[in-house]
Amino acid sequence: MADFIVHNSLNPYKSVRFSITLQQQVLKNSEGEPIWTAEINTLEPDINGDQLKSKYIHLRTLENLDKEIEKAVSELCGQIDWSPLLTDRRAPYVDSYVPEESFGVDIDGSVEIVIKESLPAAGIDIDSISMTFNGEDVTNQLAITGDPYEYKLKWKPSTVVYETY
């Protein structure tokens, strides 16, 4: 069993302790395929003051364990009273970008932008991110990595090859 703490980015004064237990089990009368079971729980009450029910994850491999834990914890956190919440008053900002100059860009180069949001904040809505280049929407060509408080956007223009005769 392991414990971890979750903070809400809009309430820096409250933290909630969660426990996770991970076990490998082999079902009776089976071919011996192991199943991983994770139980995630907290003693924090829900919004109505009732005990939150544990979340269980059942996986054949540990490949998606992180995503499943994040999903289960998010569902549990959605049932917790995090008030009082602070107001997110600042907009996200561009922290850096490459290339820094509008000339001398390599033909095989890419455009990289780092967008950040300072706490307390609700986070950057990834679905609200869009990018246009010379009036053309290139949003669906972006590679976006990071988390809701810092995203890195990378766009590599497609290379157009012209033949001359």
N, C-alpha and C. Protein backbone atom coordinates (compact mmCIF):
# COMPACT_ATOMS: atom_id res chain seq x y z
N MET A 1 0.85 -1.17 0.00
CA MET A 1 0.00 0.00 0.00
C MET A 1 0.89 1.23 0.00
N ALA A 2 0.45 2.23 -0.75
CA ALA A 2 1.17 3.51 -0.80
C ALA A 2 0.17 4.63 -0.64
N ASP A 3 0.60 5.72 -0.03
CA ASP A 3 -0.23 6.90 0.12
C ASP A 3 0.31 8.00 -0.76
N PHE A 4 -0.60 8.84 -1.24
CA PHE A 4 -0.20 10.02 -1.99
C PHE A 4 -1.19 11.13 -1.70
N ILE A 5 -0.76 12.36 -1.91
CA ILE A 5 -1.54 13.55 -1.59
C ILE A 5 -1.97 14.23 -2.88
N VAL A 6 -3.23 14.70 -2.91
CA VAL A 6 -3.75 15.44 -4.05
C VAL A 6 -4.11 16.84 -3.58
N HIS A 7 -3.68 17.84 -4.37
CA HIS A 7 -4.01 19.24 -4.11
C HIS A 7 -4.89 19.73 -5.24
N ASN A 8 -5.83 20.59 -4.93
CA ASN A 8 -6.63 21.25 -5.94
C ASN A 8 -5.94 22.57 -6.25
N SER A 9 -5.69 22.85 -7.51
CA SER A 9 -4.93 24.04 -7.88
C SER A 9 -5.67 25.34 -7.57
N LEU A 10 -6.97 25.27 -7.29
CA LEU A 10 -7.71 26.47 -6.92
C LEU A 10 -7.94 26.58 -5.42
N ASN A 11 -7.40 25.64 -4.64
CA ASN A 11 -7.47 25.73 -3.18
C ASN A 11 -6.13 25.26 -2.61
N PRO A 12 -5.18 26.18 -2.44
CA PRO A 12 -3.86 25.79 -1.94
C PRO A 12 -3.86 25.43 -0.45
N TYR A 13 -4.99 25.57 0.22
CA TYR A 13 -5.05 25.32 1.65
C TYR A 13 -5.56 23.93 2.01
N LYS A 14 -5.99 23.16 1.03
CA LYS A 14 -6.56 21.85 1.32
C LYS A 14 -5.82 20.78 0.51
N SER A 15 -5.52 19.68 1.16
CA SER A 15 -4.94 18.53 0.48
C SER A 15 -5.68 17.28 0.97
N VAL A 16 -5.75 16.29 0.12
CA VAL A 16 -6.47 15.06 0.45
C VAL A 16 -5.52 13.88 0.26
N ARG A 17 -5.47 13.01 1.25
CA ARG A 17 -4.62 11.82 1.20
C ARG A 17 -5.40 10.67 0.58
N PHE A 18 -4.78 10.00 -0.36
CA PHE A 18 -5.33 8.81 -1.00
C PHE A 18 -4.39 7.64 -0.73
N SER A 19 -4.95 6.44 -0.73
CA SER A 19 -4.17 5.21 -0.61
C SER A 19 -4.40 4.37 -1.85
N ILE A 20 -3.36 3.67 -2.25
CA ILE A 20 -3.48 2.75 -3.37
C ILE A 20 -2.83 1.43 -2.99
N THR A 21 -3.53 0.35 -3.30
CA THR A 21 -3.03 -1.00 -3.07
C THR A 21 -3.05 -1.71 -4.41
N LEU A 22 -1.92 -2.29 -4.79
CA LEU A 22 -1.79 -2.99 -6.06
C LEU A 22 -1.46 -4.45 -5.78
N GLN A 23 -2.27 -5.33 -6.34
CA GLN A 23 -2.05 -6.77 -6.15
C GLN A 23 -2.13 -7.48 -7.49
N GLN A 24 -1.33 -8.54 -7.60
CA GLN A 24 -1.41 -9.40 -8.77
C GLN A 24 -2.14 -10.67 -8.35
N GLN A 25 -3.14 -11.06 -9.12
CA GLN A 25 -3.95 -12.23 -8.79
C GLN A 25 -4.01 -13.16 -9.98
N VAL A 26 -4.12 -14.46 -9.69
CA VAL A 26 -4.34 -15.45 -10.73
C VAL A 26 -5.68 -16.10 -10.40
N LEU A 27 -6.61 -16.03 -11.34
CA LEU A 27 -7.93 -16.58 -11.11
C LEU A 27 -7.91 -18.10 -11.12
N LYS A 28 -8.73 -18.72 -10.27
CA LYS A 28 -8.84 -20.18 -10.23
C LYS A 28 -9.39 -20.67 -11.56
N ASN A 29 -8.98 -21.88 -11.92
CA ASN A 29 -9.44 -22.53 -13.16
C ASN A 29 -9.11 -21.71 -14.40
N SER A 30 -8.05 -20.94 -14.33
CA SER A 30 -7.67 -20.16 -15.51
C SER A 30 -6.37 -20.70 -16.07
N GLU A 31 -5.96 -20.13 -17.14
CA GLU A 31 -4.73 -20.55 -17.81
C GLU A 31 -3.50 -19.99 -17.10
N GLY A 32 -3.71 -19.35 -15.99
CA GLY A 32 -2.59 -18.78 -15.25
C GLY A 32 -2.28 -17.35 -15.63
N GLU A 33 -3.19 -16.71 -16.40
CA GLU A 33 -2.99 -15.31 -16.76
C GLU A 33 -3.20 -14.44 -15.53
N PRO A 34 -2.21 -13.67 -15.13
CA PRO A 34 -2.38 -12.81 -13.96
C PRO A 34 -3.24 -11.59 -14.27
N ILE A 35 -3.94 -11.13 -13.29
CA ILE A 35 -4.71 -9.91 -13.38
C ILE A 35 -4.24 -8.99 -12.27
N TRP A 36 -3.99 -7.73 -12.62
CA TRP A 36 -3.58 -6.74 -11.64
C TRP A 36 -4.82 -6.00 -11.15
N THR A 37 -4.93 -5.87 -9.84
CA THR A 37 -6.04 -5.16 -9.23
C THR A 37 -5.48 -4.03 -8.38
N ALA A 38 -5.98 -2.84 -8.61
CA ALA A 38 -5.59 -1.68 -7.81
C ALA A 38 -6.84 -1.15 -7.12
N GLU A 39 -6.71 -0.87 -5.83
CA GLU A 39 -7.79 -0.26 -5.07
C GLU A 39 -7.32 1.12 -4.64
N ILE A 40 -8.12 2.13 -4.94
CA ILE A 40 -7.80 3.50 -4.58
C ILE A 40 -8.90 4.02 -3.68
N ASN A 41 -8.50 4.57 -2.52
CA ASN A 41 -9.51 5.10 -1.61
C ASN A 41 -8.95 6.27 -0.81
N THR A 42 -9.88 6.94 -0.12
CA THR A 42 -9.54 8.05 0.75
C THR A 42 -10.51 8.07 1.91
N LEU A 43 -10.10 8.66 3.01
CA LEU A 43 -10.99 8.83 4.15
C LEU A 43 -11.76 10.15 4.06
N GLU A 44 -11.42 10.97 3.08
CA GLU A 44 -12.11 12.25 2.88
C GLU A 44 -13.56 11.98 2.51
N PRO A 45 -14.51 12.67 3.15
CA PRO A 45 -15.91 12.46 2.80
C PRO A 45 -16.27 13.12 1.47
N ASP A 46 -17.41 12.70 0.92
CA ASP A 46 -17.89 13.33 -0.30
C ASP A 46 -18.59 14.65 0.04
N ILE A 47 -19.16 15.30 -0.94
CA ILE A 47 -19.80 16.60 -0.77
C ILE A 47 -20.90 16.55 0.29
N ASN A 48 -21.58 15.39 0.40
CA ASN A 48 -22.69 15.25 1.36
C ASN A 48 -22.22 14.78 2.74
N GLY A 49 -20.93 14.57 2.91
CA GLY A 49 -20.40 14.11 4.18
C GLY A 49 -20.35 12.59 4.31
N ASP A 50 -20.72 11.88 3.26
CA ASP A 50 -20.70 10.41 3.27
C ASP A 50 -19.32 9.89 2.88
N GLN A 51 -19.03 8.66 3.29
CA GLN A 51 -17.77 8.01 2.94
C GLN A 51 -17.72 7.73 1.44
N LEU A 52 -16.63 8.10 0.81
CA LEU A 52 -16.45 7.80 -0.61
C LEU A 52 -16.18 6.31 -0.80
N LYS A 53 -16.76 5.73 -1.85
CA LYS A 53 -16.52 4.33 -2.16
C LYS A 53 -15.20 4.20 -2.90
N SER A 54 -14.48 3.15 -2.59
CA SER A 54 -13.19 2.89 -3.25
C SER A 54 -13.40 2.68 -4.75
N LYS A 55 -12.40 3.01 -5.52
CA LYS A 55 -12.38 2.74 -6.96
C LYS A 55 -11.46 1.55 -7.18
N TYR A 56 -11.89 0.64 -8.05
CA TYR A 56 -11.10 -0.55 -8.36
C TYR A 56 -10.72 -0.53 -9.83
N ILE A 57 -9.50 -0.93 -10.09
CA ILE A 57 -8.97 -1.02 -11.46
C ILE A 57 -8.53 -2.46 -11.67
N HIS A 58 -8.95 -3.06 -12.78
CA HIS A 58 -8.56 -4.43 -13.12
C HIS A 58 -7.88 -4.40 -14.49
N LEU A 59 -6.63 -4.84 -14.53
CA LEU A 59 -5.84 -4.80 -15.77
C LEU A 59 -5.10 -6.12 -15.97
N ARG A 60 -4.91 -6.49 -17.22
CA ARG A 60 -4.11 -7.68 -17.53
C ARG A 60 -2.63 -7.36 -17.59
N THR A 61 -2.32 -6.12 -17.95
CA THR A 61 -0.93 -5.66 -17.95
C THR A 61 -0.88 -4.32 -17.23
N LEU A 62 0.30 -3.88 -16.89
CA LEU A 62 0.46 -2.60 -16.21
C LEU A 62 0.66 -1.45 -17.19
N GLU A 63 0.47 -1.74 -18.48
CA GLU A 63 0.74 -0.77 -19.53
C GLU A 63 -0.05 0.53 -19.35
N ASN A 64 -1.33 0.45 -19.01
CA ASN A 64 -2.18 1.64 -18.88
C ASN A 64 -2.46 2.01 -17.43
N LEU A 65 -1.67 1.50 -16.51
CA LEU A 65 -1.95 1.71 -15.09
C LEU A 65 -1.98 3.19 -14.72
N ASP A 66 -1.02 3.98 -15.17
CA ASP A 66 -0.98 5.40 -14.82
C ASP A 66 -2.25 6.12 -15.26
N LYS A 67 -2.69 5.87 -16.49
CA LYS A 67 -3.90 6.52 -17.01
C LYS A 67 -5.13 6.10 -16.21
N GLU A 68 -5.21 4.84 -15.87
CA GLU A 68 -6.36 4.34 -15.11
C GLU A 68 -6.38 4.89 -13.69
N ILE A 69 -5.21 5.02 -13.07
CA ILE A 69 -5.13 5.62 -11.73
C ILE A 69 -5.55 7.08 -11.80
N GLU A 70 -5.06 7.81 -12.79
CA GLU A 70 -5.42 9.21 -12.96
C GLU A 70 -6.93 9.37 -13.15
N LYS A 71 -7.52 8.50 -13.93
CA LYS A 71 -8.97 8.54 -14.17
C LYS A 71 -9.74 8.27 -12.87
N ALA A 72 -9.35 7.25 -12.11
CA ALA A 72 -10.04 6.90 -10.87
C ALA A 72 -9.91 8.01 -9.83
N VAL A 73 -8.71 8.57 -9.69
CA VAL A 73 -8.50 9.65 -8.72
C VAL A 73 -9.30 10.89 -9.13
N SER A 74 -9.34 11.17 -10.42
CA SER A 74 -10.12 12.31 -10.91
C SER A 74 -11.60 12.13 -10.58
N GLU A 75 -12.12 10.92 -10.75
CA GLU A 75 -13.53 10.65 -10.42
C GLU A 75 -13.78 10.84 -8.92
N LEU A 76 -12.87 10.37 -8.09
CA LEU A 76 -13.01 10.54 -6.65
C LEU A 76 -12.92 12.03 -6.27
N CYS A 77 -11.96 12.75 -6.85
CA CYS A 77 -11.80 14.17 -6.55
C CYS A 77 -13.02 14.98 -6.95
N GLY A 78 -13.72 14.54 -7.99
CA GLY A 78 -14.93 15.22 -8.43
C GLY A 78 -16.06 15.14 -7.42
N GLN A 79 -15.94 14.24 -6.45
CA GLN A 79 -16.98 14.06 -5.44
C GLN A 79 -16.64 14.75 -4.11
N ILE A 80 -15.46 15.40 -4.05
CA ILE A 80 -14.98 16.02 -2.82
C ILE A 80 -15.31 17.51 -2.81
N ASP A 81 -15.65 18.04 -1.65
CA ASP A 81 -15.89 19.47 -1.49
C ASP A 81 -14.54 20.17 -1.31
N TRP A 82 -14.09 20.88 -2.32
CA TRP A 82 -12.80 21.56 -2.29
C TRP A 82 -12.92 23.02 -1.88
N SER A 83 -14.11 23.47 -1.50
CA SER A 83 -14.29 24.89 -1.20
C SER A 83 -13.51 25.28 0.06
N PRO A 84 -13.13 26.54 0.16
CA PRO A 84 -13.41 27.64 -0.76
C PRO A 84 -12.40 27.65 -1.92
N LEU A 85 -12.89 27.82 -3.12
CA LEU A 85 -12.03 27.87 -4.29
C LEU A 85 -11.65 29.32 -4.60
N LEU A 86 -10.41 29.52 -4.99
CA LEU A 86 -9.95 30.84 -5.41
C LEU A 86 -10.35 31.07 -6.86
N THR A 87 -10.44 32.31 -7.25
CA THR A 87 -10.80 32.64 -8.62
C THR A 87 -9.55 32.66 -9.50
N ASP A 88 -9.66 32.04 -10.65
CA ASP A 88 -8.58 32.05 -11.64
C ASP A 88 -8.67 33.38 -12.37
N ARG A 89 -7.81 34.31 -12.00
CA ARG A 89 -7.89 35.68 -12.52
C ARG A 89 -6.92 35.97 -13.67
N ARG A 90 -5.95 35.11 -13.86
CA ARG A 90 -4.93 35.38 -14.88
C ARG A 90 -5.08 34.43 -16.06
N ALA A 91 -4.91 34.97 -17.22
CA ALA A 91 -4.95 34.18 -18.45
C ALA A 91 -3.62 33.44 -18.62
N PRO A 92 -3.64 32.31 -19.33
CA PRO A 92 -2.37 31.65 -19.66
C PRO A 92 -1.49 32.60 -20.49
N TYR A 93 -0.20 32.32 -20.50
CA TYR A 93 0.72 33.18 -21.22
C TYR A 93 1.74 32.35 -21.98
N VAL A 94 2.31 32.95 -23.01
CA VAL A 94 3.38 32.31 -23.79
C VAL A 94 4.68 32.52 -23.02
N ASP A 95 5.29 31.44 -22.60
CA ASP A 95 6.53 31.51 -21.84
C ASP A 95 7.74 31.59 -22.76
N SER A 96 7.70 30.85 -23.85
CA SER A 96 8.82 30.88 -24.81
C SER A 96 8.33 30.39 -26.16
N TYR A 97 9.12 30.72 -27.18
CA TYR A 97 8.81 30.25 -28.52
C TYR A 97 10.10 30.17 -29.34
N VAL A 98 10.07 29.25 -30.27
CA VAL A 98 11.21 29.04 -31.18
C VAL A 98 10.63 28.87 -32.57
N PRO A 99 11.10 29.51 -33.59
CA PRO A 99 12.25 30.40 -33.62
C PRO A 99 11.88 31.76 -33.03
N GLU A 100 12.88 32.40 -32.45
CA GLU A 100 12.66 33.69 -31.82
C GLU A 100 12.66 34.83 -32.83
N GLU A 101 13.15 34.57 -34.01
CA GLU A 101 13.22 35.62 -35.03
C GLU A 101 12.35 35.22 -36.22
N SER A 102 11.84 36.19 -36.93
CA SER A 102 10.95 35.91 -38.04
C SER A 102 11.70 35.71 -39.36
N PHE A 103 13.01 35.63 -39.30
CA PHE A 103 13.78 35.38 -40.51
C PHE A 103 14.89 34.39 -40.20
N GLY A 104 15.45 33.81 -41.21
CA GLY A 104 16.54 32.87 -41.03
C GLY A 104 16.10 31.53 -40.46
N VAL A 105 14.87 31.14 -40.73
CA VAL A 105 14.37 29.87 -40.21
C VAL A 105 14.73 28.76 -41.19
N ASP A 106 15.27 27.67 -40.67
CA ASP A 106 15.64 26.51 -41.48
C ASP A 106 14.40 25.93 -42.16
N ILE A 107 14.53 25.51 -43.40
CA ILE A 107 13.40 24.96 -44.15
C ILE A 107 12.86 23.69 -43.49
N ASP A 108 13.72 22.96 -42.78
CA ASP A 108 13.28 21.76 -42.08
C ASP A 108 12.93 22.04 -40.62
N GLY A 109 12.90 23.33 -40.25
CA GLY A 109 12.65 23.70 -38.87
C GLY A 109 11.20 23.54 -38.47
N SER A 110 10.96 23.76 -37.18
CA SER A 110 9.60 23.70 -36.65
C SER A 110 9.36 24.89 -35.74
N VAL A 111 8.11 25.10 -35.43
CA VAL A 111 7.71 26.17 -34.52
C VAL A 111 7.35 25.51 -33.19
N GLU A 112 7.94 25.99 -32.10
CA GLU A 112 7.64 25.45 -30.78
C GLU A 112 7.24 26.60 -29.86
N ILE A 113 6.13 26.39 -29.15
CA ILE A 113 5.61 27.41 -28.23
C ILE A 113 5.31 26.73 -26.90
N VAL A 114 5.74 27.35 -25.80
CA VAL A 114 5.42 26.86 -24.46
C VAL A 114 4.41 27.82 -23.85
N ILE A 115 3.24 27.28 -23.49
CA ILE A 115 2.18 28.06 -22.86
C ILE A 115 2.09 27.62 -21.40
N LYS A 116 2.04 28.59 -20.49
CA LYS A 116 1.97 28.28 -19.06
C LYS A 116 0.79 29.00 -18.41
N GLU A 117 0.40 28.49 -17.25
CA GLU A 117 -0.62 29.13 -16.43
C GLU A 117 -0.12 29.11 -14.99
N SER A 118 -0.09 30.28 -14.36
CA SER A 118 0.38 30.40 -12.98
C SER A 118 -0.73 30.03 -12.01
N LEU A 119 -0.35 29.38 -10.91
CA LEU A 119 -1.31 29.00 -9.87
C LEU A 119 -1.63 30.18 -8.98
N PRO A 120 -2.82 30.29 -8.40
CA PRO A 120 -3.91 29.34 -8.51
C PRO A 120 -4.59 29.48 -9.87
N ALA A 121 -4.95 28.36 -10.43
CA ALA A 121 -5.52 28.36 -11.77
C ALA A 121 -6.35 27.11 -12.00
N ALA A 122 -7.27 27.22 -12.92
CA ALA A 122 -8.09 26.08 -13.31
C ALA A 122 -7.36 25.23 -14.35
N GLY A 123 -6.30 25.75 -14.93
CA GLY A 123 -5.55 25.03 -15.95
C GLY A 123 -5.94 25.49 -17.34
N ILE A 124 -5.10 25.17 -18.30
CA ILE A 124 -5.32 25.54 -19.69
C ILE A 124 -6.24 24.51 -20.32
N ASP A 125 -7.30 24.98 -20.95
CA ASP A 125 -8.23 24.10 -21.66
C ASP A 125 -7.59 23.72 -22.99
N ILE A 126 -7.14 22.48 -23.08
CA ILE A 126 -6.42 22.03 -24.28
C ILE A 126 -7.30 22.13 -25.53
N ASP A 127 -8.62 22.01 -25.35
CA ASP A 127 -9.53 22.10 -26.50
C ASP A 127 -9.66 23.52 -27.02
N SER A 128 -9.20 24.51 -26.25
CA SER A 128 -9.30 25.90 -26.70
C SER A 128 -8.04 26.34 -27.45
N ILE A 129 -7.04 25.49 -27.54
CA ILE A 129 -5.80 25.85 -28.23
C ILE A 129 -6.00 25.74 -29.74
N SER A 130 -5.63 26.79 -30.43
CA SER A 130 -5.66 26.77 -31.90
C SER A 130 -4.47 27.56 -32.42
N MET A 131 -4.09 27.25 -33.65
CA MET A 131 -2.94 27.94 -34.25
C MET A 131 -3.20 28.16 -35.72
N THR A 132 -2.92 29.38 -36.17
CA THR A 132 -3.00 29.69 -37.60
C THR A 132 -1.64 30.16 -38.06
N PHE A 133 -1.33 29.85 -39.29
CA PHE A 133 -0.06 30.27 -39.88
C PHE A 133 -0.37 30.83 -41.26
N ASN A 134 -0.03 32.11 -41.47
CA ASN A 134 -0.34 32.80 -42.72
C ASN A 134 -1.82 32.65 -43.07
N GLY A 135 -2.69 32.75 -42.05
CA GLY A 135 -4.13 32.67 -42.27
C GLY A 135 -4.68 31.26 -42.40
N GLU A 136 -3.82 30.24 -42.37
CA GLU A 136 -4.27 28.85 -42.49
C GLU A 136 -4.29 28.19 -41.12
N ASP A 137 -5.41 27.53 -40.80
CA ASP A 137 -5.55 26.83 -39.53
C ASP A 137 -4.70 25.56 -39.57
N VAL A 138 -3.72 25.47 -38.67
CA VAL A 138 -2.83 24.30 -38.61
C VAL A 138 -3.00 23.56 -37.27
N THR A 139 -4.09 23.83 -36.56
CA THR A 139 -4.31 23.26 -35.24
C THR A 139 -4.22 21.74 -35.25
N ASN A 140 -4.81 21.09 -36.25
CA ASN A 140 -4.80 19.62 -36.29
C ASN A 140 -3.42 19.05 -36.61
N GLN A 141 -2.45 19.90 -36.92
CA GLN A 141 -1.09 19.44 -37.19
C GLN A 141 -0.17 19.63 -35.98
N LEU A 142 -0.72 20.16 -34.89
CA LEU A 142 0.09 20.41 -33.69
C LEU A 142 0.36 19.13 -32.92
N ALA A 143 1.57 19.00 -32.40
CA ALA A 143 1.90 17.96 -31.43
C ALA A 143 1.90 18.68 -30.08
N ILE A 144 0.99 18.27 -29.19
CA ILE A 144 0.84 18.94 -27.90
C ILE A 144 1.22 17.98 -26.79
N THR A 145 2.17 18.41 -25.95
CA THR A 145 2.59 17.60 -24.80
C THR A 145 2.57 18.48 -23.55
N GLY A 146 2.50 17.84 -22.40
CA GLY A 146 2.55 18.58 -21.16
C GLY A 146 1.36 18.27 -20.27
N ASP A 147 1.04 19.23 -19.42
CA ASP A 147 -0.07 19.08 -18.49
C ASP A 147 -0.88 20.37 -18.50
N PRO A 148 -2.01 20.43 -17.81
CA PRO A 148 -2.88 21.61 -17.90
C PRO A 148 -2.26 22.93 -17.44
N TYR A 149 -1.08 22.90 -16.86
CA TYR A 149 -0.46 24.14 -16.40
C TYR A 149 0.76 24.53 -17.24
N GLU A 150 1.16 23.64 -18.13
CA GLU A 150 2.27 23.94 -19.04
C GLU A 150 2.21 22.99 -20.24
N TYR A 151 1.87 23.56 -21.39
CA TYR A 151 1.82 22.77 -22.62
C TYR A 151 2.91 23.24 -23.58
N LYS A 152 3.49 22.28 -24.29
CA LYS A 152 4.44 22.58 -25.35
C LYS A 152 3.74 22.24 -26.67
N LEU A 153 3.65 23.22 -27.54
CA LEU A 153 3.05 23.04 -28.85
C LEU A 153 4.16 22.99 -29.88
N LYS A 154 4.11 22.01 -30.75
CA LYS A 154 5.13 21.90 -31.79
C LYS A 154 4.43 21.71 -33.12
N TRP A 155 4.82 22.55 -34.08
CA TRP A 155 4.28 22.46 -35.42
C TRP A 155 5.41 22.41 -36.41
N LYS A 156 5.42 21.37 -37.21
CA LYS A 156 6.44 21.22 -38.25
C LYS A 156 5.72 21.36 -39.59
N PRO A 157 6.01 22.43 -40.32
CA PRO A 157 5.35 22.62 -41.61
C PRO A 157 5.64 21.46 -42.55
N SER A 158 4.64 21.08 -43.30
CA SER A 158 4.87 20.04 -44.29
C SER A 158 5.73 20.62 -45.41
N THR A 159 6.63 19.83 -45.90
CA THR A 159 7.56 20.27 -46.93
C THR A 159 6.91 20.06 -48.30
N VAL A 160 6.88 21.11 -49.08
CA VAL A 160 6.35 21.02 -50.43
C VAL A 160 7.53 20.96 -51.38
N VAL A 161 7.56 19.93 -52.20
CA VAL A 161 8.67 19.75 -53.15
C VAL A 161 8.19 20.16 -54.54
N TYR A 162 8.92 21.08 -55.13
CA TYR A 162 8.61 21.53 -56.49
C TYR A 162 9.66 20.97 -57.43
N GLU A 163 9.20 20.49 -58.56
CA GLU A 163 10.13 20.01 -59.57
C GLU A 163 10.31 21.09 -60.62
N THR A 164 11.52 21.30 -61.05
CA THR A 164 11.76 22.25 -62.13
C THR A 164 12.33 21.48 -63.31
N TYR A 165 11.97 21.94 -64.48
CA TYR A 165 12.42 21.27 -65.71
C TYR A 165 13.25 22.18 -66.52
